[in-house]
Amino acid sequence: MDDQRRMIFEAELADHIRKRDDENKIIVALSTLLGKEAPDGGAQVSEPSTMPTAVPGADPVTLVRPGEFFRMSSTKAAKAILERAGYRNAIKTELLLAAIQKGGLSIKGGGPQLYKNLWRDDDFQNLGKSIGWGLSTWYGGKVKKSVDEAPKSKRRKHTGPKRQTKPKTTEAATNEPAKAKSDEP
């Protein structure tokens, strides 16, 4: 079996193991609520470290099945792709977008919108334009920018002379004759 097919099968197996583990957690929780013993004595949940991951440097689009991310948020889809890519295997925005779109999720605004979504989410760490995105847990949590480093507003302040205001209109300025007071009763 060639490496690419093996990688696809390993990713598929990891996905099914994750789904099975999620179902087992639900079964144990429901059994506990009902006061019953879980079937199979509460099936063991696999550790994430034992799940197979992709070969480093592999194309992340090959890890995704068509329609897999339908009705999922872009950040959840990106997180799933990064987890499959393996520990500290950063992926560029363009490749993440291609993998997400293959998974059946369309993002209005494309790459720039995905970039904004990932930037705002604490689960992701931007490692630079040439490296891409990684999960913040891989790097000890997201590094927050301080208030001093926050981007400044792009609107420039007015530095020219103050504008002249028009004088308020008065009777003299309107060129209308003022009504004379008459002494007649």
N, C-alpha and C. Protein backbone atom coordinates (compact mmCIF):
# COMPACT_ATOMS: atom_id res chain seq x y z
N MET A 1 0.86 -1.18 0.00
CA MET A 1 0.00 0.00 0.00
C MET A 1 0.90 1.24 0.00
N ASP A 2 0.61 2.20 -0.87
CA ASP A 2 1.44 3.39 -0.94
C ASP A 2 1.15 4.33 0.24
N ASP A 3 2.05 5.27 0.47
CA ASP A 3 1.97 6.15 1.64
C ASP A 3 0.72 7.02 1.64
N GLN A 4 0.33 7.50 0.47
CA GLN A 4 -0.84 8.39 0.41
C GLN A 4 -2.12 7.65 0.78
N ARG A 5 -2.30 6.44 0.25
CA ARG A 5 -3.50 5.65 0.59
C ARG A 5 -3.48 5.28 2.07
N ARG A 6 -2.31 4.92 2.57
CA ARG A 6 -2.19 4.58 3.99
C ARG A 6 -2.58 5.77 4.87
N MET A 7 -2.13 6.96 4.47
CA MET A 7 -2.45 8.17 5.23
C MET A 7 -3.95 8.43 5.21
N ILE A 8 -4.58 8.22 4.08
CA ILE A 8 -6.03 8.43 3.97
C ILE A 8 -6.78 7.45 4.86
N PHE A 9 -6.36 6.18 4.85
CA PHE A 9 -7.01 5.17 5.68
C PHE A 9 -6.79 5.45 7.17
N GLU A 10 -5.59 5.92 7.53
CA GLU A 10 -5.32 6.24 8.94
C GLU A 10 -6.19 7.41 9.39
N ALA A 11 -6.36 8.41 8.53
CA ALA A 11 -7.21 9.55 8.88
C ALA A 11 -8.66 9.10 9.02
N GLU A 12 -9.11 8.22 8.14
CA GLU A 12 -10.47 7.70 8.21
C GLU A 12 -10.68 6.91 9.50
N LEU A 13 -9.70 6.07 9.85
CA LEU A 13 -9.77 5.29 11.09
C LEU A 13 -9.83 6.21 12.30
N ALA A 14 -8.98 7.24 12.32
CA ALA A 14 -8.97 8.18 13.44
C ALA A 14 -10.32 8.88 13.59
N ASP A 15 -10.92 9.22 12.46
CA ASP A 15 -12.23 9.88 12.50
C ASP A 15 -13.30 8.95 13.08
N HIS A 16 -13.29 7.69 12.67
CA HIS A 16 -14.28 6.75 13.19
C HIS A 16 -14.04 6.43 14.67
N ILE A 17 -12.79 6.37 15.08
CA ILE A 17 -12.49 6.15 16.50
C ILE A 17 -13.00 7.32 17.32
N ARG A 18 -12.79 8.55 16.82
CA ARG A 18 -13.27 9.74 17.53
C ARG A 18 -14.79 9.72 17.65
N LYS A 19 -15.47 9.35 16.56
CA LYS A 19 -16.93 9.29 16.59
C LYS A 19 -17.40 8.22 17.57
N ARG A 20 -16.74 7.06 17.57
CA ARG A 20 -17.10 5.99 18.51
C ARG A 20 -16.91 6.45 19.95
N ASP A 21 -15.80 7.15 20.21
CA ASP A 21 -15.54 7.62 21.56
C ASP A 21 -16.59 8.63 22.01
N ASP A 22 -17.03 9.49 21.09
CA ASP A 22 -18.09 10.45 21.42
C ASP A 22 -19.38 9.72 21.77
N GLU A 23 -19.72 8.69 20.99
CA GLU A 23 -20.92 7.89 21.27
C GLU A 23 -20.81 7.17 22.61
N ASN A 24 -19.64 6.63 22.92
CA ASN A 24 -19.44 5.95 24.20
C ASN A 24 -19.62 6.90 25.39
N LYS A 25 -19.15 8.14 25.23
CA LYS A 25 -19.33 9.13 26.30
C LYS A 25 -20.82 9.40 26.53
N ILE A 26 -21.58 9.49 25.46
CA ILE A 26 -23.03 9.73 25.58
C ILE A 26 -23.71 8.54 26.25
N ILE A 27 -23.32 7.34 25.86
CA ILE A 27 -23.91 6.13 26.46
C ILE A 27 -23.62 6.07 27.95
N VAL A 28 -22.40 6.37 28.35
CA VAL A 28 -22.04 6.34 29.77
C VAL A 28 -22.83 7.40 30.53
N ALA A 29 -22.96 8.61 29.97
CA ALA A 29 -23.69 9.69 30.64
C ALA A 29 -25.17 9.34 30.82
N LEU A 30 -25.79 8.81 29.78
CA LEU A 30 -27.20 8.44 29.86
C LEU A 30 -27.42 7.28 30.84
N SER A 31 -26.52 6.32 30.82
CA SER A 31 -26.63 5.19 31.75
C SER A 31 -26.51 5.66 33.19
N THR A 32 -25.62 6.60 33.44
CA THR A 32 -25.45 7.15 34.78
C THR A 32 -26.71 7.88 35.22
N LEU A 33 -27.30 8.66 34.32
CA LEU A 33 -28.54 9.38 34.66
C LEU A 33 -29.68 8.42 35.00
N LEU A 34 -29.72 7.29 34.31
CA LEU A 34 -30.79 6.32 34.54
C LEU A 34 -30.46 5.38 35.70
N GLY A 35 -29.26 5.48 36.24
CA GLY A 35 -28.88 4.62 37.35
C GLY A 35 -28.54 3.21 36.91
N LYS A 36 -28.20 3.03 35.67
CA LYS A 36 -27.86 1.71 35.14
C LYS A 36 -26.36 1.64 34.87
N GLU A 37 -25.88 0.40 34.82
CA GLU A 37 -24.49 0.20 34.46
C GLU A 37 -24.37 0.32 32.95
N ALA A 38 -23.34 0.98 32.50
CA ALA A 38 -23.16 1.16 31.06
C ALA A 38 -22.87 -0.18 30.40
N PRO A 39 -23.44 -0.42 29.22
CA PRO A 39 -23.13 -1.66 28.50
C PRO A 39 -21.64 -1.76 28.24
N ASP A 40 -21.10 -2.92 28.23
CA ASP A 40 -19.67 -3.18 28.04
C ASP A 40 -18.85 -2.55 29.16
N GLY A 41 -19.48 -2.29 30.30
CA GLY A 41 -18.76 -1.72 31.43
C GLY A 41 -18.20 -0.34 31.15
N GLY A 42 -18.83 0.41 30.25
CA GLY A 42 -18.32 1.74 29.91
C GLY A 42 -17.10 1.59 29.03
N ALA A 43 -17.32 1.46 27.76
CA ALA A 43 -16.23 1.20 26.81
C ALA A 43 -15.13 2.23 26.96
N GLN A 44 -13.93 1.78 26.78
CA GLN A 44 -12.78 2.64 26.93
C GLN A 44 -12.73 3.68 25.81
N VAL A 45 -12.33 4.88 26.18
CA VAL A 45 -12.19 5.97 25.22
C VAL A 45 -10.72 6.04 24.83
N SER A 46 -10.45 6.12 23.55
CA SER A 46 -9.08 6.17 23.06
C SER A 46 -8.44 7.50 23.41
N GLU A 47 -7.17 7.45 23.69
CA GLU A 47 -6.41 8.67 23.94
C GLU A 47 -6.06 9.31 22.61
N PRO A 48 -6.11 10.65 22.53
CA PRO A 48 -5.78 11.30 21.27
C PRO A 48 -4.36 10.99 20.78
N SER A 49 -3.43 10.75 21.71
CA SER A 49 -2.05 10.50 21.30
C SER A 49 -1.90 9.16 20.59
N THR A 50 -2.84 8.20 20.83
CA THR A 50 -2.74 6.90 20.17
C THR A 50 -3.40 6.91 18.80
N MET A 51 -4.12 7.97 18.48
CA MET A 51 -4.79 8.03 17.18
C MET A 51 -3.77 8.37 16.10
N PRO A 52 -3.87 7.72 14.95
CA PRO A 52 -2.91 8.00 13.88
C PRO A 52 -3.12 9.40 13.32
N THR A 53 -2.05 10.00 12.87
CA THR A 53 -2.11 11.34 12.28
C THR A 53 -1.46 11.28 10.90
N ALA A 54 -1.52 12.41 10.22
CA ALA A 54 -0.99 12.48 8.86
C ALA A 54 0.53 12.53 8.87
N VAL A 55 1.09 12.24 7.75
CA VAL A 55 2.52 12.36 7.57
C VAL A 55 2.86 13.84 7.52
N PRO A 56 3.89 14.32 8.26
CA PRO A 56 4.23 15.74 8.23
C PRO A 56 4.49 16.23 6.82
N GLY A 57 3.94 17.39 6.50
CA GLY A 57 4.12 17.99 5.19
C GLY A 57 3.15 17.49 4.13
N ALA A 58 2.25 16.58 4.51
CA ALA A 58 1.28 16.05 3.55
C ALA A 58 0.23 17.11 3.24
N ASP A 59 -0.39 16.97 2.09
CA ASP A 59 -1.43 17.90 1.67
C ASP A 59 -2.67 17.71 2.56
N PRO A 60 -3.12 18.76 3.27
CA PRO A 60 -4.26 18.61 4.17
C PRO A 60 -5.57 18.34 3.45
N VAL A 61 -5.64 18.65 2.16
CA VAL A 61 -6.86 18.41 1.40
C VAL A 61 -7.13 16.90 1.29
N THR A 62 -6.08 16.09 1.30
CA THR A 62 -6.25 14.64 1.21
C THR A 62 -6.83 14.05 2.49
N LEU A 63 -6.80 14.79 3.59
CA LEU A 63 -7.31 14.30 4.86
C LEU A 63 -8.82 14.49 5.00
N VAL A 64 -9.44 15.16 4.03
CA VAL A 64 -10.84 15.55 4.14
C VAL A 64 -11.69 14.80 3.13
N ARG A 65 -12.86 14.34 3.59
CA ARG A 65 -13.83 13.70 2.69
C ARG A 65 -14.83 14.76 2.23
N PRO A 66 -15.34 14.64 1.01
CA PRO A 66 -16.36 15.60 0.54
C PRO A 66 -17.60 15.57 1.43
N GLY A 67 -18.08 16.75 1.80
CA GLY A 67 -19.28 16.88 2.60
C GLY A 67 -19.07 16.68 4.09
N GLU A 68 -17.86 16.49 4.52
CA GLU A 68 -17.57 16.21 5.92
C GLU A 68 -17.87 17.39 6.85
N PHE A 69 -17.70 18.61 6.38
CA PHE A 69 -17.87 19.79 7.22
C PHE A 69 -19.17 20.53 6.96
N PHE A 70 -20.11 19.86 6.33
CA PHE A 70 -21.40 20.50 6.04
C PHE A 70 -22.06 20.96 7.34
N ARG A 71 -22.51 22.21 7.36
CA ARG A 71 -23.16 22.85 8.51
C ARG A 71 -22.29 22.93 9.75
N MET A 72 -20.99 23.03 9.55
CA MET A 72 -20.05 23.18 10.65
C MET A 72 -19.44 24.57 10.51
N SER A 73 -19.03 25.16 11.61
CA SER A 73 -18.40 26.48 11.52
C SER A 73 -17.01 26.34 10.91
N SER A 74 -16.53 27.43 10.35
CA SER A 74 -15.22 27.39 9.70
C SER A 74 -14.11 27.12 10.71
N THR A 75 -14.26 27.62 11.94
CA THR A 75 -13.23 27.40 12.94
C THR A 75 -13.22 25.95 13.42
N LYS A 76 -14.39 25.34 13.56
CA LYS A 76 -14.43 23.93 13.96
C LYS A 76 -13.83 23.05 12.88
N ALA A 77 -14.12 23.38 11.62
CA ALA A 77 -13.56 22.61 10.51
C ALA A 77 -12.04 22.77 10.46
N ALA A 78 -11.56 23.99 10.64
CA ALA A 78 -10.11 24.23 10.62
C ALA A 78 -9.42 23.50 11.76
N LYS A 79 -10.06 23.49 12.91
CA LYS A 79 -9.48 22.79 14.07
C LYS A 79 -9.39 21.29 13.79
N ALA A 80 -10.43 20.71 13.18
CA ALA A 80 -10.41 19.29 12.85
C ALA A 80 -9.28 18.97 11.87
N ILE A 81 -9.09 19.85 10.90
CA ILE A 81 -8.02 19.63 9.90
C ILE A 81 -6.65 19.71 10.56
N LEU A 82 -6.45 20.72 11.42
CA LEU A 82 -5.16 20.86 12.09
C LEU A 82 -4.88 19.68 13.02
N GLU A 83 -5.91 19.18 13.69
CA GLU A 83 -5.71 18.02 14.57
C GLU A 83 -5.31 16.80 13.75
N ARG A 84 -5.90 16.63 12.58
CA ARG A 84 -5.55 15.50 11.72
C ARG A 84 -4.14 15.64 11.15
N ALA A 85 -3.74 16.88 10.89
CA ALA A 85 -2.42 17.11 10.31
C ALA A 85 -1.33 16.70 11.29
N GLY A 86 -1.62 16.70 12.57
CA GLY A 86 -0.65 16.26 13.55
C GLY A 86 -0.06 17.40 14.34
N TYR A 87 0.53 17.03 15.46
CA TYR A 87 1.09 18.00 16.40
C TYR A 87 2.13 18.89 15.73
N ARG A 88 1.92 20.17 15.83
CA ARG A 88 2.80 21.23 15.31
C ARG A 88 3.02 21.18 13.81
N ASN A 89 2.06 20.67 13.07
CA ASN A 89 2.10 20.74 11.61
C ASN A 89 1.22 21.91 11.17
N ALA A 90 1.81 23.09 11.11
CA ALA A 90 1.07 24.29 10.75
C ALA A 90 0.64 24.22 9.28
N ILE A 91 -0.49 24.87 9.00
CA ILE A 91 -1.05 24.87 7.63
C ILE A 91 -1.38 26.31 7.25
N LYS A 92 -1.05 26.67 6.02
CA LYS A 92 -1.33 28.02 5.52
C LYS A 92 -2.83 28.21 5.30
N THR A 93 -3.26 29.47 5.31
CA THR A 93 -4.67 29.81 5.17
C THR A 93 -5.25 29.26 3.87
N GLU A 94 -4.50 29.38 2.77
CA GLU A 94 -5.01 28.92 1.47
C GLU A 94 -5.28 27.42 1.47
N LEU A 95 -4.39 26.65 2.10
CA LEU A 95 -4.58 25.20 2.15
C LEU A 95 -5.74 24.83 3.07
N LEU A 96 -5.86 25.55 4.19
CA LEU A 96 -7.01 25.31 5.08
C LEU A 96 -8.31 25.59 4.34
N LEU A 97 -8.35 26.69 3.59
CA LEU A 97 -9.55 27.05 2.85
C LEU A 97 -9.90 25.98 1.82
N ALA A 98 -8.90 25.47 1.10
CA ALA A 98 -9.15 24.43 0.11
C ALA A 98 -9.69 23.16 0.76
N ALA A 99 -9.13 22.78 1.90
CA ALA A 99 -9.60 21.58 2.60
C ALA A 99 -11.01 21.77 3.14
N ILE A 100 -11.30 22.95 3.67
CA ILE A 100 -12.64 23.24 4.21
C ILE A 100 -13.67 23.22 3.08
N GLN A 101 -13.31 23.79 1.94
CA GLN A 101 -14.23 23.81 0.80
C GLN A 101 -14.45 22.40 0.26
N LYS A 102 -13.42 21.57 0.27
CA LYS A 102 -13.59 20.18 -0.15
C LYS A 102 -14.55 19.47 0.80
N GLY A 103 -14.51 19.84 2.07
CA GLY A 103 -15.39 19.25 3.07
C GLY A 103 -16.82 19.73 2.99
N GLY A 104 -17.14 20.60 2.04
CA GLY A 104 -18.52 21.00 1.81
C GLY A 104 -18.94 22.29 2.48
N LEU A 105 -18.00 23.04 3.01
CA LEU A 105 -18.32 24.30 3.68
C LEU A 105 -17.85 25.45 2.81
N SER A 106 -18.77 26.32 2.43
CA SER A 106 -18.38 27.49 1.65
C SER A 106 -18.30 28.69 2.58
N ILE A 107 -17.26 29.46 2.43
CA ILE A 107 -17.03 30.63 3.28
C ILE A 107 -17.17 31.87 2.42
N LYS A 108 -18.17 32.70 2.74
CA LYS A 108 -18.31 33.96 2.01
C LYS A 108 -17.13 34.84 2.38
N GLY A 109 -16.46 35.35 1.40
CA GLY A 109 -15.29 36.18 1.65
C GLY A 109 -14.01 35.39 1.47
N GLY A 110 -14.09 34.08 1.35
CA GLY A 110 -12.93 33.24 1.07
C GLY A 110 -11.83 33.31 2.12
N GLY A 111 -10.59 33.37 1.62
CA GLY A 111 -9.41 33.36 2.49
C GLY A 111 -9.36 34.50 3.49
N PRO A 112 -9.66 35.75 3.08
CA PRO A 112 -9.62 36.84 4.05
C PRO A 112 -10.61 36.65 5.21
N GLN A 113 -11.79 36.12 4.92
CA GLN A 113 -12.77 35.89 5.99
C GLN A 113 -12.32 34.76 6.91
N LEU A 114 -11.75 33.70 6.34
CA LEU A 114 -11.24 32.60 7.16
C LEU A 114 -10.11 33.10 8.05
N TYR A 115 -9.24 33.94 7.50
CA TYR A 115 -8.14 34.52 8.28
C TYR A 115 -8.69 35.28 9.48
N LYS A 116 -9.71 36.11 9.26
CA LYS A 116 -10.31 36.88 10.36
C LYS A 116 -10.91 35.96 11.42
N ASN A 117 -11.63 34.92 10.95
CA ASN A 117 -12.26 33.99 11.89
C ASN A 117 -11.23 33.29 12.76
N LEU A 118 -10.13 32.87 12.15
CA LEU A 118 -9.09 32.17 12.91
C LEU A 118 -8.36 33.14 13.84
N TRP A 119 -8.13 34.35 13.39
CA TRP A 119 -7.42 35.35 14.19
C TRP A 119 -8.20 35.67 15.47
N ARG A 120 -9.52 35.72 15.38
CA ARG A 120 -10.36 36.09 16.51
C ARG A 120 -10.57 34.95 17.50
N ASP A 121 -10.30 33.72 17.08
CA ASP A 121 -10.56 32.55 17.92
C ASP A 121 -9.31 32.20 18.73
N ASP A 122 -9.49 31.99 20.03
CA ASP A 122 -8.36 31.70 20.91
C ASP A 122 -7.76 30.31 20.70
N ASP A 123 -8.42 29.45 19.94
CA ASP A 123 -7.91 28.10 19.70
C ASP A 123 -6.80 28.07 18.65
N PHE A 124 -6.59 29.18 17.94
CA PHE A 124 -5.63 29.19 16.84
C PHE A 124 -4.52 30.19 17.10
N GLN A 125 -3.34 29.86 16.59
CA GLN A 125 -2.17 30.73 16.71
C GLN A 125 -1.61 30.97 15.31
N ASN A 126 -1.49 32.23 14.92
CA ASN A 126 -0.89 32.58 13.64
C ASN A 126 0.62 32.59 13.82
N LEU A 127 1.31 31.80 13.02
CA LEU A 127 2.75 31.66 13.15
C LEU A 127 3.52 32.44 12.10
N GLY A 128 2.83 33.29 11.37
CA GLY A 128 3.47 34.10 10.35
C GLY A 128 3.00 33.70 8.96
N LYS A 129 3.18 34.62 8.03
CA LYS A 129 2.68 34.43 6.67
C LYS A 129 3.30 33.22 5.98
N SER A 130 4.57 32.99 6.20
CA SER A 130 5.24 31.90 5.51
C SER A 130 5.03 30.54 6.18
N ILE A 131 4.52 30.53 7.42
CA ILE A 131 4.34 29.27 8.15
C ILE A 131 2.88 28.84 8.17
N GLY A 132 2.00 29.71 8.59
CA GLY A 132 0.57 29.39 8.59
C GLY A 132 -0.02 29.36 9.99
N TRP A 133 -1.02 28.51 10.18
CA TRP A 133 -1.80 28.42 11.40
C TRP A 133 -1.52 27.13 12.14
N GLY A 134 -1.53 27.23 13.46
CA GLY A 134 -1.43 26.05 14.31
C GLY A 134 -2.43 26.19 15.44
N LEU A 135 -2.60 25.13 16.21
CA LEU A 135 -3.47 25.21 17.38
C LEU A 135 -2.70 25.85 18.52
N SER A 136 -3.34 26.75 19.24
CA SER A 136 -2.65 27.48 20.30
C SER A 136 -2.17 26.56 21.42
N THR A 137 -2.83 25.42 21.61
CA THR A 137 -2.40 24.49 22.65
C THR A 137 -1.03 23.89 22.32
N TRP A 138 -0.66 23.87 21.06
CA TRP A 138 0.64 23.36 20.66
C TRP A 138 1.76 24.30 21.11
N TYR A 139 1.41 25.56 21.32
CA TYR A 139 2.42 26.58 21.61
C TYR A 139 2.20 27.23 22.97
N GLY A 140 1.54 26.54 23.87
CA GLY A 140 1.36 27.06 25.23
C GLY A 140 0.27 28.09 25.37
N GLY A 141 -0.72 28.09 24.52
CA GLY A 141 -1.83 29.06 24.60
C GLY A 141 -1.58 30.22 23.67
N LYS A 142 -2.67 30.91 23.34
CA LYS A 142 -2.59 32.02 22.39
C LYS A 142 -1.89 33.20 23.02
N VAL A 143 -0.99 33.78 22.27
CA VAL A 143 -0.29 34.98 22.71
C VAL A 143 -1.17 36.16 22.37
N LYS A 144 -1.65 36.86 23.42
CA LYS A 144 -2.53 38.01 23.21
C LYS A 144 -1.69 39.25 22.97
N LYS A 145 -2.19 40.10 22.11
CA LYS A 145 -1.53 41.39 21.91
C LYS A 145 -1.98 42.33 23.02
N SER A 146 -1.05 43.13 23.51
CA SER A 146 -1.41 44.09 24.53
C SER A 146 -2.15 45.26 23.89
N VAL A 147 -2.73 46.11 24.70
CA VAL A 147 -3.48 47.25 24.20
C VAL A 147 -2.57 48.16 23.40
N ASP A 148 -1.30 48.29 23.81
CA ASP A 148 -0.37 49.16 23.10
C ASP A 148 -0.06 48.63 21.70
N GLU A 149 -0.11 47.30 21.51
CA GLU A 149 0.20 46.71 20.22
C GLU A 149 -1.03 46.58 19.33
N ALA A 150 -2.20 46.87 19.86
CA ALA A 150 -3.43 46.72 19.07
C ALA A 150 -3.37 47.65 17.87
N PRO A 151 -3.91 47.23 16.75
CA PRO A 151 -3.86 48.09 15.56
C PRO A 151 -4.61 49.39 15.79
N LYS A 152 -4.01 50.45 15.31
CA LYS A 152 -4.61 51.78 15.46
C LYS A 152 -5.67 51.98 14.38
N SER A 153 -6.56 52.91 14.65
CA SER A 153 -7.60 53.22 13.68
C SER A 153 -6.96 53.81 12.44
N LYS A 154 -7.48 53.47 11.29
CA LYS A 154 -6.92 53.97 10.04
C LYS A 154 -7.44 55.36 9.70
N ARG A 155 -8.41 55.83 10.43
CA ARG A 155 -8.96 57.16 10.16
C ARG A 155 -7.98 58.21 10.67
N ARG A 156 -7.63 59.14 9.78
CA ARG A 156 -6.67 60.17 10.16
C ARG A 156 -7.39 61.36 10.78
N LYS A 157 -6.70 61.98 11.69
CA LYS A 157 -7.26 63.16 12.33
C LYS A 157 -7.08 64.35 11.38
N HIS A 158 -8.02 65.30 11.48
CA HIS A 158 -7.96 66.51 10.67
C HIS A 158 -6.86 67.40 11.23
N THR A 159 -5.88 67.77 10.38
CA THR A 159 -4.77 68.58 10.86
C THR A 159 -4.75 69.98 10.25
N GLY A 160 -5.65 70.28 9.33
CA GLY A 160 -5.67 71.58 8.66
C GLY A 160 -6.35 72.64 9.51
N PRO A 161 -6.49 73.84 8.95
CA PRO A 161 -7.15 74.91 9.70
C PRO A 161 -8.63 74.59 9.91
N LYS A 162 -9.17 75.19 10.95
CA LYS A 162 -10.60 74.97 11.24
C LYS A 162 -11.44 75.58 10.14
N ARG A 163 -12.56 74.97 9.90
CA ARG A 163 -13.48 75.48 8.89
C ARG A 163 -14.18 76.73 9.41
N GLN A 164 -14.43 77.62 8.49
CA GLN A 164 -15.17 78.82 8.85
C GLN A 164 -16.66 78.48 8.87
N THR A 165 -17.32 78.93 9.90
CA THR A 165 -18.76 78.68 9.98
C THR A 165 -19.49 79.89 9.43
N LYS A 166 -20.64 79.66 8.86
CA LYS A 166 -21.45 80.75 8.33
C LYS A 166 -22.08 81.51 9.50
N PRO A 167 -22.17 82.85 9.37
CA PRO A 167 -22.82 83.61 10.46
C PRO A 167 -24.31 83.30 10.50
N LYS A 168 -24.87 83.41 11.69
CA LYS A 168 -26.30 83.17 11.84
C LYS A 168 -27.06 84.27 11.11
N THR A 169 -28.16 83.89 10.52
CA THR A 169 -28.95 84.87 9.76
C THR A 169 -29.74 85.74 10.72
N THR A 170 -29.74 87.02 10.42
CA THR A 170 -30.53 87.99 11.19
C THR A 170 -31.44 88.71 10.23
N GLU A 171 -32.27 89.58 10.79
CA GLU A 171 -33.19 90.32 9.94
C GLU A 171 -32.44 91.17 8.94
N ALA A 172 -31.35 91.77 9.35
CA ALA A 172 -30.57 92.63 8.46
C ALA A 172 -29.94 91.80 7.35
N ALA A 173 -29.54 90.58 7.69
CA ALA A 173 -28.86 89.75 6.71
C ALA A 173 -29.83 89.18 5.68
N THR A 174 -31.11 89.08 6.01
CA THR A 174 -32.07 88.49 5.08
C THR A 174 -32.64 89.52 4.12
N ASN A 175 -32.28 90.79 4.27
CA ASN A 175 -32.75 91.87 3.41
C ASN A 175 -34.26 92.03 3.44
N GLU A 176 -34.92 91.66 4.50
CA GLU A 176 -36.33 91.88 4.63
C GLU A 176 -36.53 93.09 5.54
N PRO A 177 -37.45 93.98 5.16
CA PRO A 177 -37.67 95.14 6.04
C PRO A 177 -38.34 94.71 7.34
N ALA A 178 -37.86 95.31 8.37
CA ALA A 178 -38.44 95.01 9.67
C ALA A 178 -39.77 95.71 9.79
N LYS A 179 -40.74 95.13 10.46
CA LYS A 179 -42.04 95.74 10.63
C LYS A 179 -41.91 96.88 11.65
N ALA A 180 -42.42 98.03 11.22
CA ALA A 180 -42.37 99.19 12.12
C ALA A 180 -43.51 99.12 13.10
N LYS A 181 -43.17 99.50 14.31
CA LYS A 181 -44.22 99.53 15.34
C LYS A 181 -45.08 100.76 15.11
N SER A 182 -46.32 100.56 15.11
CA SER A 182 -47.22 101.71 14.93
C SER A 182 -47.86 102.07 16.25
N ASP A 183 -48.10 103.39 16.41
CA ASP A 183 -48.69 103.88 17.64
C ASP A 183 -50.20 103.89 17.55
N GLU A 184 -50.77 103.49 16.49
CA GLU A 184 -52.21 103.52 16.32
C GLU A 184 -52.86 102.38 17.09
N PRO A 185 -54.02 102.75 17.77
CA PRO A 185 -54.73 101.69 18.47
C PRO A 185 -55.56 100.82 17.61
